[in-house]
Amino acid sequence: MVAALNFGLRAYREPVEELPHRYLPALRRVKAAIEEILP
């Protein structure tokens, strides 16, 4: 869980386009969850 959050936070700060395409659907869900937690 913590590793997933750390990955999500790192991805949140980096341009999504630079990450492998297979991660995009999961990252969109992670970003949405992070945006609900953070102001």
Protein backbone atom coordinates (compact mmCIF):
# COMPACT_ATOMS: atom_id res chain seq x y z
CA MET A 1 0.00 0.00 0.00
CA VAL A 2 2.75 2.44 0.95
CA ALA A 3 4.76 1.46 -2.10
CA ALA A 4 1.73 2.03 -4.31
CA LEU A 5 1.18 5.46 -2.75
CA ASN A 6 4.84 6.38 -3.20
CA PHE A 7 4.64 5.27 -6.83
CA GLY A 8 1.45 7.26 -7.25
CA LEU A 9 2.92 10.39 -5.72
CA ARG A 10 6.00 10.13 -7.93
CA ALA A 11 3.81 9.63 -10.98
CA TYR A 12 1.60 12.51 -9.84
CA ARG A 13 4.58 14.85 -10.12
CA GLU A 14 5.89 13.49 -13.41
CA PRO A 15 4.31 13.87 -16.84
CA VAL A 16 2.14 10.83 -17.48
CA GLU A 17 3.30 10.72 -21.11
CA GLU A 18 6.80 9.69 -20.01
CA LEU A 19 5.57 6.52 -18.32
CA PRO A 20 4.93 3.20 -20.07
CA HIS A 21 1.53 3.16 -21.72
CA ARG A 22 0.35 0.08 -19.80
CA TYR A 23 0.44 2.07 -16.56
CA LEU A 24 -1.87 4.85 -17.74
CA PRO A 25 -5.24 3.36 -16.65
CA ALA A 26 -3.94 2.55 -13.17
CA LEU A 27 -2.24 5.92 -12.85
CA ARG A 28 -5.44 7.75 -13.76
CA ARG A 29 -7.16 5.93 -10.87
CA VAL A 30 -4.24 6.68 -8.53
CA LYS A 31 -4.22 10.34 -9.53
CA ALA A 32 -7.97 10.59 -8.95
CA ALA A 33 -7.56 9.06 -5.50
CA ILE A 34 -4.66 11.39 -4.65
CA GLU A 35 -6.66 14.40 -5.78
CA GLU A 36 -9.45 13.38 -3.41
CA ILE A 37 -6.98 13.14 -0.50
CA LEU A 38 -4.86 16.21 -1.20
CA PRO A 39 -6.35 19.70 -1.43
